[in-house]
Amino acid sequence: MITEQRTTSALSNAQLTRRTLLGAGVLVPTTAMALAACTPGGAETPNTGAADGDFTGTTLQIWSGATVAPPAENAAVEWEKATGGKVVVTPVPFAERSIKFAGLVTAQDSSIDLLYAAGGFVGKFGDRLYEDLGNPDLGIDTSIYVPATLPVLSSGDMLAGLPVHSEMNIFIYNKTMFEAAGLDPDSPPDNWGDLYKAASKLQDGDRYGCTLPFASIYSGGYLLLFLNSIPGAKLLSPDRTQVLFGGDEGLQAFETIEEGIKAGFFTPGLSQDVEDYATGQMFNDGKTASMINFAELWGYATGSNPTDFPTTLDAAEVGATVLPGVSAGNTGSINGFEGFGISKFSKNKEAALHFLQYVTGPEFQLEMNLSKTLPSSNTAVLENPEVEAVYSVGPVLAQQGEANLDRYASPFDWEPPIAAALLGLYNGEISAKEAHKSAFEGVQKIVEDYLAN
């Protein structure tokens, strides 16, 4: 469920049919001068191209994550036709990404122009690696983007990336199964406790009420699906020097998870290799009554990609709503916002910015959103009547986006102790109280070691 850690997704590669000129992405000479001025000392003068968007002879190298690689590749096709430039997109596996990015910093390597940007990586590398796209001399109109995306792609006062999509976790459920269990298929319970009461009616053989891959080594972030719905609860302080979930709110989140496990609401016995795409396929095959997942997986459940993600469900029986809260009337989730930033060591910064504004701009974003795979990062696109007609999950994303979506991007990795605690809780090896204590103490140690070093 953590977008950075997802396996490669086969997004629709259908020909983009409503292309117009790339006028909105044209850079003016002042932008070229601003980017040139940002080039680190000792680096060659950037290839700035022409002000009208002619980048013949320029090849952009992009290091991407798995989810945003297909949109970048699709956008590259049209950008190359319009500008004469070339784009090479290389997905870098999550396990290798941090060390490769660190290598760019230590070597001041100029061979990569655009870099994957998400909260964790922006938090780690900040202005040591990413160009500041908030520089007013660049003239970037950030008002087009969904407001919640920009802080996630920022480090301190600098904007490290522009968002490609506005993904977040939502609650996706099978209306037919919920109705058969006596639940309102159009308005399911808004809190975990009431959902757990229907666990026995939602279970049928090895099908359970909800599949959430607690056994995954990347499950640490799942705690926030519960903690973020508790008013006032925090995982870490804004400056990331204090661990704040050691009190009653943190314990309540673990106890809510434990309650669902004991009620038989969550699918038991999942292996470590079950992640969000595997969960999505289980849902498509009718092997779970609900899942917490991204809108991309809602699209697959409704038939947007029958080749790579076949579904047995009728689109009309796929429901979507905001996540249940620990208490009624509250919701919280985690964002999966991803995008790209410009390497501060790149020699092709103007071309990189031109492409970045295209892939995150309204023309391409409309095409991407109409494919029902990823929700646009542009507010106006999400509100476009054409999108609303085919992307009915949009209002759910808008409502969920008003809640706490904090993923607590940090210069250190706080997730492993929480993932270990959740695994022990999931397997029945420890209690909620023990899991809470272990997770808190583990994250506390990580923060202390970070501050000491």
Protein backbone atom coordinates (compact mmCIF):
# COMPACT_ATOMS: atom_id res chain seq x y z
CA MET A 1 0.00 0.00 0.00
CA ILE A 2 2.96 2.33 0.23
CA THR A 3 3.29 3.68 -3.28
CA GLU A 4 7.08 3.96 -3.23
CA GLN A 5 7.32 0.28 -2.42
CA ARG A 6 4.86 -1.07 -4.94
CA THR A 7 5.91 -3.49 -7.63
CA THR A 8 5.91 -2.40 -11.27
CA SER A 9 2.43 -1.53 -12.49
CA ALA A 10 1.32 -2.13 -16.06
CA LEU A 11 -0.61 1.06 -16.72
CA SER A 12 -2.59 1.52 -19.88
CA ASN A 13 -0.37 2.19 -22.89
CA ALA A 14 -3.23 3.27 -25.13
CA GLN A 15 -2.35 5.91 -27.71
CA LEU A 16 -2.96 9.40 -26.35
CA THR A 17 -5.46 10.89 -28.76
CA ARG A 18 -6.24 14.46 -27.68
CA ARG A 19 -2.79 16.00 -27.76
CA THR A 20 -2.38 19.69 -28.44
CA LEU A 21 0.72 21.82 -28.63
CA LEU A 22 2.92 21.95 -25.55
CA GLY A 23 2.50 25.69 -25.21
CA ALA A 24 1.72 25.55 -21.52
CA GLY A 25 5.16 24.08 -20.86
CA VAL A 26 7.19 26.63 -22.80
CA LEU A 27 10.03 28.12 -20.83
CA VAL A 28 11.12 31.72 -21.16
CA PRO A 29 14.76 32.88 -21.20
CA THR A 30 14.63 34.05 -17.58
CA THR A 31 13.89 30.45 -16.55
CA ALA A 32 16.94 29.23 -18.41
CA MET A 33 19.12 31.80 -16.68
CA ALA A 34 17.65 30.95 -13.27
CA LEU A 35 18.35 27.26 -13.73
CA ALA A 36 21.82 27.91 -15.07
CA ALA A 37 22.59 30.00 -12.02
CA CYS A 38 21.68 27.03 -9.81
CA THR A 39 24.24 24.72 -11.40
CA PRO A 40 26.77 23.60 -8.74
CA GLY A 41 30.27 24.99 -9.03
CA GLY A 42 32.50 23.02 -11.35
CA ALA A 43 29.65 21.62 -13.43
CA GLU A 44 29.40 22.32 -17.13
CA THR A 45 26.95 24.95 -18.37
CA PRO A 46 23.52 23.32 -18.77
CA ASN A 47 22.10 22.55 -22.20
CA THR A 48 19.26 25.06 -22.11
CA GLY A 49 17.73 24.42 -25.52
CA ALA A 50 15.61 27.07 -27.18
CA ALA A 51 12.97 29.21 -25.52
CA ASP A 52 10.27 27.80 -27.82
CA GLY A 53 10.75 24.24 -26.54
CA ASP A 54 13.20 22.89 -29.14
CA PHE A 55 15.40 20.37 -27.35
CA THR A 56 16.78 18.55 -30.37
CA GLY A 57 19.98 16.79 -29.34
CA THR A 58 19.06 16.66 -25.64
CA THR A 59 18.45 13.31 -23.94
CA LEU A 60 16.89 13.40 -20.49
CA GLN A 61 17.72 10.59 -18.10
CA ILE A 62 15.04 9.90 -15.49
CA TRP A 63 15.36 7.69 -12.42
CA SER A 64 11.81 6.71 -11.54
CA GLY A 65 9.73 4.69 -9.13
CA ALA A 66 7.59 1.84 -10.44
CA THR A 67 4.21 3.57 -10.32
CA VAL A 68 5.20 6.84 -12.00
CA ALA A 69 7.40 5.25 -14.66
CA PRO A 70 4.55 4.33 -17.08
CA PRO A 71 3.02 7.84 -17.03
CA ALA A 72 6.47 9.32 -17.63
CA GLU A 73 7.02 6.96 -20.54
CA ASN A 74 3.64 7.81 -22.05
CA ALA A 75 4.25 11.54 -21.67
CA ALA A 76 7.70 11.15 -23.22
CA VAL A 77 6.21 9.92 -26.48
CA GLU A 78 4.34 13.16 -27.11
CA TRP A 79 7.02 15.41 -25.60
CA GLU A 80 9.64 13.92 -27.91
CA LYS A 81 7.44 14.57 -30.96
CA ALA A 82 6.90 18.19 -29.99
CA THR A 83 10.42 19.13 -28.85
CA GLY A 84 12.85 16.87 -30.67
CA GLY A 85 14.32 15.79 -27.34
CA LYS A 86 14.63 12.27 -26.03
CA VAL A 87 13.63 10.79 -22.69
CA VAL A 88 14.97 7.61 -21.08
CA VAL A 89 12.98 6.43 -18.06
CA THR A 90 14.69 3.93 -15.78
CA PRO A 91 12.66 2.47 -12.88
CA VAL A 92 14.95 2.07 -9.88
CA PRO A 93 13.83 -0.66 -7.45
CA PHE A 94 12.81 0.68 -4.07
CA ALA A 95 15.47 -1.36 -2.25
CA GLU A 96 18.21 0.25 -4.36
CA ARG A 97 16.85 3.78 -4.62
CA SER A 98 18.31 5.40 -1.50
CA ILE A 99 21.85 4.17 -2.07
CA LYS A 100 21.76 5.17 -5.74
CA PHE A 101 20.46 8.65 -4.87
CA ALA A 102 23.16 9.00 -2.21
CA GLY A 103 25.75 8.14 -4.87
CA LEU A 104 24.57 11.05 -7.00
CA VAL A 105 25.20 13.39 -4.07
CA THR A 106 28.65 12.12 -3.15
CA ALA A 107 29.85 12.10 -6.77
CA GLN A 108 27.89 15.22 -7.80
CA ASP A 109 26.89 13.06 -10.74
CA SER A 110 25.32 15.03 -13.58
CA SER A 111 24.25 12.01 -15.66
CA ILE A 112 20.70 11.94 -14.21
CA ASP A 113 18.35 14.85 -14.90
CA LEU A 114 15.04 14.01 -13.21
CA LEU A 115 14.56 12.00 -10.04
CA TYR A 116 11.72 10.20 -8.33
CA ALA A 117 10.26 12.40 -5.60
CA ALA A 118 8.10 11.29 -2.68
CA GLY A 119 7.96 12.18 0.98
CA GLY A 120 10.59 9.75 2.20
CA PHE A 121 13.18 10.62 -0.43
CA VAL A 122 12.57 14.35 -0.30
CA GLY A 123 12.92 14.16 3.47
CA LYS A 124 16.22 12.31 3.23
CA PHE A 125 17.95 14.24 0.48
CA GLY A 126 16.32 17.67 0.30
CA ASP A 127 18.45 20.41 -1.22
CA ARG A 128 21.51 18.17 -1.24
CA LEU A 129 20.06 16.51 -4.35
CA TYR A 130 16.92 18.27 -5.56
CA GLU A 131 16.64 21.65 -7.29
CA ASP A 132 14.35 24.14 -5.53
CA LEU A 133 11.30 24.37 -7.79
CA GLY A 134 9.83 27.00 -5.50
CA ASN A 135 12.34 29.54 -6.82
CA PRO A 136 10.08 32.36 -8.07
CA ASP A 137 12.44 33.02 -10.98
CA LEU A 138 11.32 29.70 -12.49
CA GLY A 139 7.76 30.97 -12.82
CA ILE A 140 6.12 27.63 -11.97
CA ASP A 141 2.39 27.95 -11.35
CA THR A 142 1.94 25.65 -8.36
CA SER A 143 -1.69 26.72 -7.93
CA ILE A 144 -2.75 24.08 -10.48
CA TYR A 145 -1.83 21.23 -8.13
CA VAL A 146 -3.93 19.61 -5.42
CA PRO A 147 -2.78 21.63 -2.39
CA ALA A 148 -2.06 18.63 -0.16
CA THR A 149 0.55 17.28 -2.59
CA LEU A 150 3.01 20.16 -2.33
CA PRO A 151 4.01 19.91 1.35
CA VAL A 152 4.74 16.21 0.86
CA LEU A 153 7.16 17.04 -1.96
CA SER A 154 8.82 19.81 0.04
CA SER A 155 11.78 19.78 2.40
CA GLY A 156 11.76 22.71 4.76
CA ASP A 157 11.13 25.79 2.66
CA MET A 158 12.16 24.26 -0.66
CA LEU A 159 9.88 22.52 -3.17
CA ALA A 160 11.77 19.45 -4.32
CA GLY A 161 9.29 17.96 -6.79
CA LEU A 162 6.09 18.41 -8.77
CA PRO A 163 3.35 15.78 -8.31
CA VAL A 164 2.38 13.30 -11.02
CA HIS A 165 -0.68 12.03 -9.16
CA SER A 166 -2.74 12.55 -6.02
CA GLU A 167 -3.05 8.96 -4.79
CA MET A 168 -4.12 8.15 -1.25
CA ASN A 169 -5.50 5.10 0.52
CA ILE A 170 -9.29 4.74 0.50
CA PHE A 171 -11.71 2.00 1.51
CA ILE A 172 -12.73 -0.17 -1.45
CA TYR A 173 -15.44 -2.78 -0.88
CA ASN A 174 -17.70 -5.27 -2.62
CA LYS A 175 -21.25 -3.88 -2.45
CA THR A 176 -22.83 -7.27 -3.12
CA MET A 177 -20.97 -8.91 -0.24
CA PHE A 178 -21.65 -6.03 2.12
CA GLU A 179 -25.37 -6.05 1.32
CA ALA A 180 -25.53 -9.81 1.86
CA ALA A 181 -23.95 -9.25 5.29
CA GLY A 182 -26.72 -6.80 6.22
CA LEU A 183 -24.69 -3.64 5.63
CA ASP A 184 -25.84 -0.65 3.60
CA PRO A 185 -24.03 -1.11 0.26
CA ASP A 186 -24.08 2.61 -0.43
CA SER A 187 -23.14 3.80 3.05
CA PRO A 188 -21.12 1.25 5.04
CA PRO A 189 -20.18 1.88 8.70
CA ASP A 190 -17.82 4.80 9.17
CA ASN A 191 -15.90 3.27 12.08
CA TRP A 192 -13.94 0.06 12.61
CA GLY A 193 -15.97 -1.18 15.57
CA ASP A 194 -19.22 -1.33 13.62
CA LEU A 195 -17.49 -3.00 10.68
CA TYR A 196 -16.00 -5.65 12.97
CA LYS A 197 -19.52 -6.57 14.11
CA ALA A 198 -20.21 -7.83 10.58
CA ALA A 199 -17.04 -9.95 10.39
CA SER A 200 -18.76 -13.33 10.71
CA LYS A 201 -21.32 -12.47 8.03
CA LEU A 202 -18.65 -11.22 5.64
CA GLN A 203 -16.58 -14.36 6.05
CA ASP A 204 -17.21 -17.22 3.65
CA GLY A 205 -14.62 -20.00 3.74
CA ASP A 206 -11.22 -18.37 3.20
CA ARG A 207 -12.81 -15.05 2.26
CA TYR A 208 -12.74 -12.44 5.03
CA GLY A 209 -14.06 -8.94 5.61
CA CYS A 210 -10.90 -7.07 4.67
CA THR A 211 -7.42 -7.85 3.44
CA LEU A 212 -4.62 -5.69 4.77
CA PRO A 213 -1.09 -7.12 4.34
CA PHE A 214 0.15 -6.80 7.92
CA ALA A 215 2.86 -9.41 7.25
CA SER A 216 4.64 -7.26 4.67
CA ILE A 217 8.02 -5.89 5.73
CA TYR A 218 6.72 -2.51 4.58
CA SER A 219 3.66 -2.57 6.81
CA GLY A 220 4.87 0.07 9.27
CA GLY A 221 2.88 2.79 7.55
CA TYR A 222 -0.37 0.86 8.06
CA LEU A 223 -0.45 2.01 11.68
CA LEU A 224 -1.21 5.49 10.33
CA LEU A 225 -4.42 4.23 8.72
CA PHE A 226 -5.73 4.02 12.27
CA LEU A 227 -3.65 6.59 14.16
CA ASN A 228 -4.38 9.38 11.67
CA SER A 229 -8.11 9.06 12.31
CA ILE A 230 -7.71 9.86 16.01
CA PRO A 231 -8.14 13.60 16.58
CA GLY A 232 -4.90 15.15 17.82
CA ALA A 233 -2.82 11.99 17.48
CA LYS A 234 0.69 12.34 16.06
CA LEU A 235 3.45 9.88 15.23
CA LEU A 236 6.35 12.35 15.29
CA SER A 237 6.87 16.02 15.99
CA PRO A 238 7.16 18.38 13.00
CA ASP A 239 10.93 18.64 13.46
CA ARG A 240 11.13 14.82 13.77
CA THR A 241 12.98 14.98 17.11
CA GLN A 242 10.16 13.63 19.31
CA VAL A 243 8.19 10.38 19.16
CA LEU A 244 4.60 11.21 20.02
CA PHE A 245 2.59 7.98 19.76
CA GLY A 246 3.64 6.56 23.10
CA GLY A 247 0.46 7.67 24.89
CA ASP A 248 -3.18 6.68 24.89
CA GLU A 249 -3.80 7.56 21.22
CA GLY A 250 -1.04 5.24 20.02
CA LEU A 251 -2.27 2.43 22.22
CA GLN A 252 -5.82 2.97 20.97
CA ALA A 253 -4.63 2.53 17.38
CA PHE A 254 -2.94 -0.79 18.19
CA GLU A 255 -5.96 -1.96 20.19
CA THR A 256 -8.28 -1.18 17.27
CA ILE A 257 -6.13 -3.31 14.97
CA GLU A 258 -6.07 -6.12 17.55
CA GLU A 259 -9.85 -5.99 17.87
CA GLY A 260 -10.26 -6.53 14.14
CA ILE A 261 -7.78 -9.41 14.08
CA LYS A 262 -9.53 -11.18 16.97
CA ALA A 263 -12.96 -10.58 15.39
CA GLY A 264 -11.83 -12.37 12.22
CA PHE A 265 -12.34 -9.27 10.10
CA PHE A 266 -8.84 -9.18 8.60
CA THR A 267 -7.64 -12.01 6.37
CA PRO A 268 -5.25 -14.18 8.44
CA GLY A 269 -2.13 -16.07 7.40
CA LEU A 270 -0.85 -13.75 4.69
CA SER A 271 2.80 -14.14 3.69
CA GLN A 272 5.38 -11.37 3.52
CA ASP A 273 5.20 -11.16 -0.27
CA VAL A 274 1.52 -10.13 -0.28
CA GLU A 275 1.40 -6.40 -1.00
CA ASP A 276 -1.14 -3.97 -2.41
CA TYR A 277 -1.24 -5.34 -5.97
CA ALA A 278 -1.71 -8.90 -4.70
CA THR A 279 -4.43 -7.60 -2.38
CA GLY A 280 -6.06 -5.89 -5.35
CA GLN A 281 -6.10 -9.11 -7.35
CA MET A 282 -7.65 -10.95 -4.39
CA PHE A 283 -10.41 -8.34 -4.37
CA ASN A 284 -10.88 -8.62 -8.14
CA ASP A 285 -11.22 -12.40 -7.76
CA GLY A 286 -13.86 -12.07 -5.04
CA LYS A 287 -11.52 -13.46 -2.37
CA THR A 288 -11.91 -10.56 0.05
CA ALA A 289 -14.91 -8.36 0.80
CA SER A 290 -12.88 -5.16 1.06
CA MET A 291 -9.41 -3.69 0.95
CA ILE A 292 -7.59 -0.51 1.88
CA ASN A 293 -5.83 0.53 -1.28
CA PHE A 294 -5.13 3.25 -3.80
CA ALA A 295 -7.54 4.53 -6.43
CA GLU A 296 -5.38 2.83 -9.05
CA LEU A 297 -6.61 -0.51 -7.68
CA TRP A 298 -10.20 0.75 -7.73
CA GLY A 299 -9.67 1.35 -11.44
CA TYR A 300 -8.46 -2.18 -11.98
CA ALA A 301 -11.40 -3.59 -10.01
CA THR A 302 -13.81 -1.72 -12.28
CA GLY A 303 -12.13 -3.10 -15.42
CA SER A 304 -9.65 -0.44 -16.52
CA ASN A 305 -6.87 -2.94 -17.30
CA PRO A 306 -8.34 -6.39 -18.07
CA THR A 307 -5.09 -7.64 -19.60
CA ASP A 308 -2.78 -7.16 -16.64
CA PHE A 309 -5.33 -6.99 -13.80
CA PRO A 310 -8.42 -9.01 -14.79
CA THR A 311 -11.51 -8.71 -12.62
CA THR A 312 -14.51 -10.95 -12.01
CA LEU A 313 -16.55 -8.05 -10.64
CA ASP A 314 -19.16 -5.89 -12.27
CA ALA A 315 -18.10 -2.25 -12.03
CA ALA A 316 -21.40 -1.39 -10.34
CA GLU A 317 -20.64 -3.61 -7.33
CA VAL A 318 -17.29 -1.95 -6.57
CA GLY A 319 -17.84 0.56 -3.80
CA ALA A 320 -15.44 3.20 -2.53
CA THR A 321 -15.56 5.50 0.47
CA VAL A 322 -13.29 7.18 2.99
CA LEU A 323 -11.51 4.99 5.50
CA PRO A 324 -13.34 4.04 8.68
CA GLY A 325 -12.18 5.82 11.79
CA VAL A 326 -11.23 4.53 15.20
CA SER A 327 -14.32 6.44 16.32
CA ALA A 328 -17.45 7.40 14.38
CA GLY A 329 -17.32 10.61 12.38
CA ASN A 330 -13.54 10.61 11.98
CA THR A 331 -11.29 9.39 9.19
CA GLY A 332 -7.61 9.45 8.37
CA SER A 333 -5.38 7.85 5.79
CA ILE A 334 -1.92 8.07 4.25
CA ASN A 335 -0.93 9.79 1.08
CA GLY A 336 0.84 8.08 -1.78
CA PHE A 337 1.80 11.30 -3.57
CA GLU A 338 4.68 10.85 -6.02
CA GLY A 339 6.31 12.97 -8.66
CA PHE A 340 9.65 14.03 -10.05
CA GLY A 341 12.24 16.59 -9.12
CA ILE A 342 15.23 17.99 -11.00
CA SER A 343 18.69 16.91 -9.94
CA LYS A 344 20.72 19.90 -8.82
CA PHE A 345 23.67 18.37 -10.69
CA SER A 346 21.88 18.04 -14.06
CA LYS A 347 23.30 19.78 -17.12
CA ASN A 348 19.89 19.76 -18.84
CA LYS A 349 17.79 21.63 -16.33
CA GLU A 350 15.70 23.67 -18.72
CA ALA A 351 14.72 20.63 -20.76
CA ALA A 352 14.08 18.73 -17.53
CA LEU A 353 11.75 21.45 -16.25
CA HIS A 354 9.98 21.65 -19.61
CA PHE A 355 9.26 17.90 -19.50
CA LEU A 356 8.35 18.01 -15.81
CA GLN A 357 5.78 20.73 -16.40
CA TYR A 358 4.33 18.70 -19.26
CA VAL A 359 3.95 15.38 -17.40
CA THR A 360 2.41 17.20 -14.42
CA GLY A 361 0.46 19.71 -16.52
CA PRO A 362 -3.24 19.74 -17.42
CA GLU A 363 -3.04 18.31 -20.94
CA PHE A 364 -1.26 15.08 -20.10
CA GLN A 365 -2.93 14.86 -16.70
CA LEU A 366 -6.35 14.78 -18.36
CA GLU A 367 -5.33 11.86 -20.55
CA MET A 368 -3.82 10.02 -17.59
CA ASN A 369 -6.88 10.45 -15.41
CA LEU A 370 -9.27 9.35 -18.16
CA SER A 371 -7.40 6.04 -18.28
CA LYS A 372 -8.79 5.34 -14.76
CA THR A 373 -5.42 4.32 -13.39
CA LEU A 374 -4.03 7.27 -11.42
CA PRO A 375 -5.87 10.35 -10.14
CA SER A 376 -4.57 13.63 -11.50
CA SER A 377 -2.41 15.94 -9.42
CA ASN A 378 -4.28 18.90 -10.98
CA THR A 379 -7.35 20.19 -9.17
CA ALA A 380 -9.03 21.39 -12.37
CA VAL A 381 -8.56 18.01 -14.03
CA LEU A 382 -10.16 16.18 -11.11
CA GLU A 383 -13.11 18.58 -11.40
CA ASN A 384 -13.35 18.25 -15.18
CA PRO A 385 -16.83 16.94 -16.14
CA GLU A 386 -15.28 14.49 -18.58
CA VAL A 387 -13.21 13.00 -15.76
CA GLU A 388 -16.09 12.98 -13.30
CA ALA A 389 -18.19 11.03 -15.78
CA VAL A 390 -15.76 8.10 -15.93
CA TYR A 391 -13.92 8.48 -12.60
CA SER A 392 -16.60 8.24 -9.97
CA VAL A 393 -14.06 7.74 -7.19
CA GLY A 394 -13.00 11.37 -7.52
CA PRO A 395 -15.37 12.75 -4.85
CA VAL A 396 -14.15 10.08 -2.42
CA LEU A 397 -10.56 11.21 -2.96
CA ALA A 398 -11.62 14.81 -2.45
CA GLN A 399 -13.29 13.94 0.86
CA GLN A 400 -10.45 11.72 2.05
CA GLY A 401 -7.97 14.41 1.09
CA GLU A 402 -9.46 16.75 3.67
CA ALA A 403 -8.41 14.41 6.48
CA ASN A 404 -5.01 13.74 8.02
CA LEU A 405 -2.84 12.03 5.37
CA ASP A 406 0.55 12.53 7.02
CA ARG A 407 3.18 9.91 6.11
CA TYR A 408 5.79 11.58 8.36
CA ALA A 409 8.58 11.88 5.81
CA SER A 410 11.83 11.88 7.78
CA PRO A 411 15.59 11.75 7.25
CA PHE A 412 15.51 8.36 9.01
CA ASP A 413 13.44 5.21 8.51
CA TRP A 414 11.01 4.87 11.42
CA GLU A 415 8.95 2.03 9.95
CA PRO A 416 10.84 -1.23 10.79
CA PRO A 417 10.03 -1.35 14.54
CA ILE A 418 6.35 -0.67 13.82
CA ALA A 419 6.26 -3.29 11.04
CA ALA A 420 7.81 -5.85 13.41
CA ALA A 421 5.30 -4.99 16.12
CA LEU A 422 2.35 -5.26 13.73
CA LEU A 423 3.61 -8.63 12.48
CA GLY A 424 3.79 -9.95 16.03
CA LEU A 425 0.29 -8.65 16.71
CA TYR A 426 -1.04 -10.10 13.45
CA ASN A 427 0.43 -13.52 14.23
CA GLY A 428 -0.99 -13.51 17.77
CA GLU A 429 2.47 -13.54 19.34
CA ILE A 430 2.09 -10.30 21.30
CA SER A 431 -0.75 -8.16 22.62
CA ALA A 432 -1.69 -4.66 21.48
CA LYS A 433 -0.10 -3.27 24.63
CA GLU A 434 3.15 -5.13 23.96
CA ALA A 435 3.14 -4.14 20.28
CA HIS A 436 2.62 -0.51 21.19
CA LYS A 437 5.47 -0.54 23.70
CA SER A 438 7.85 -2.31 21.32
CA ALA A 439 7.05 0.00 18.40
CA PHE A 440 7.39 3.16 20.47
CA GLU A 441 10.69 2.15 22.01
CA GLY A 442 12.06 1.04 18.64
CA VAL A 443 11.24 4.33 16.93
CA GLN A 444 12.55 6.25 19.95
CA LYS A 445 15.90 4.46 19.57
CA ILE A 446 16.04 5.30 15.86
CA VAL A 447 15.43 8.99 16.54
CA GLU A 448 18.00 9.08 19.35
CA ASP A 449 20.64 7.39 17.17
CA TYR A 450 19.91 9.82 14.36
CA LEU A 451 20.26 12.87 16.61
CA ALA A 452 23.42 11.50 18.19
CA ASN A 453 25.08 10.95 14.85
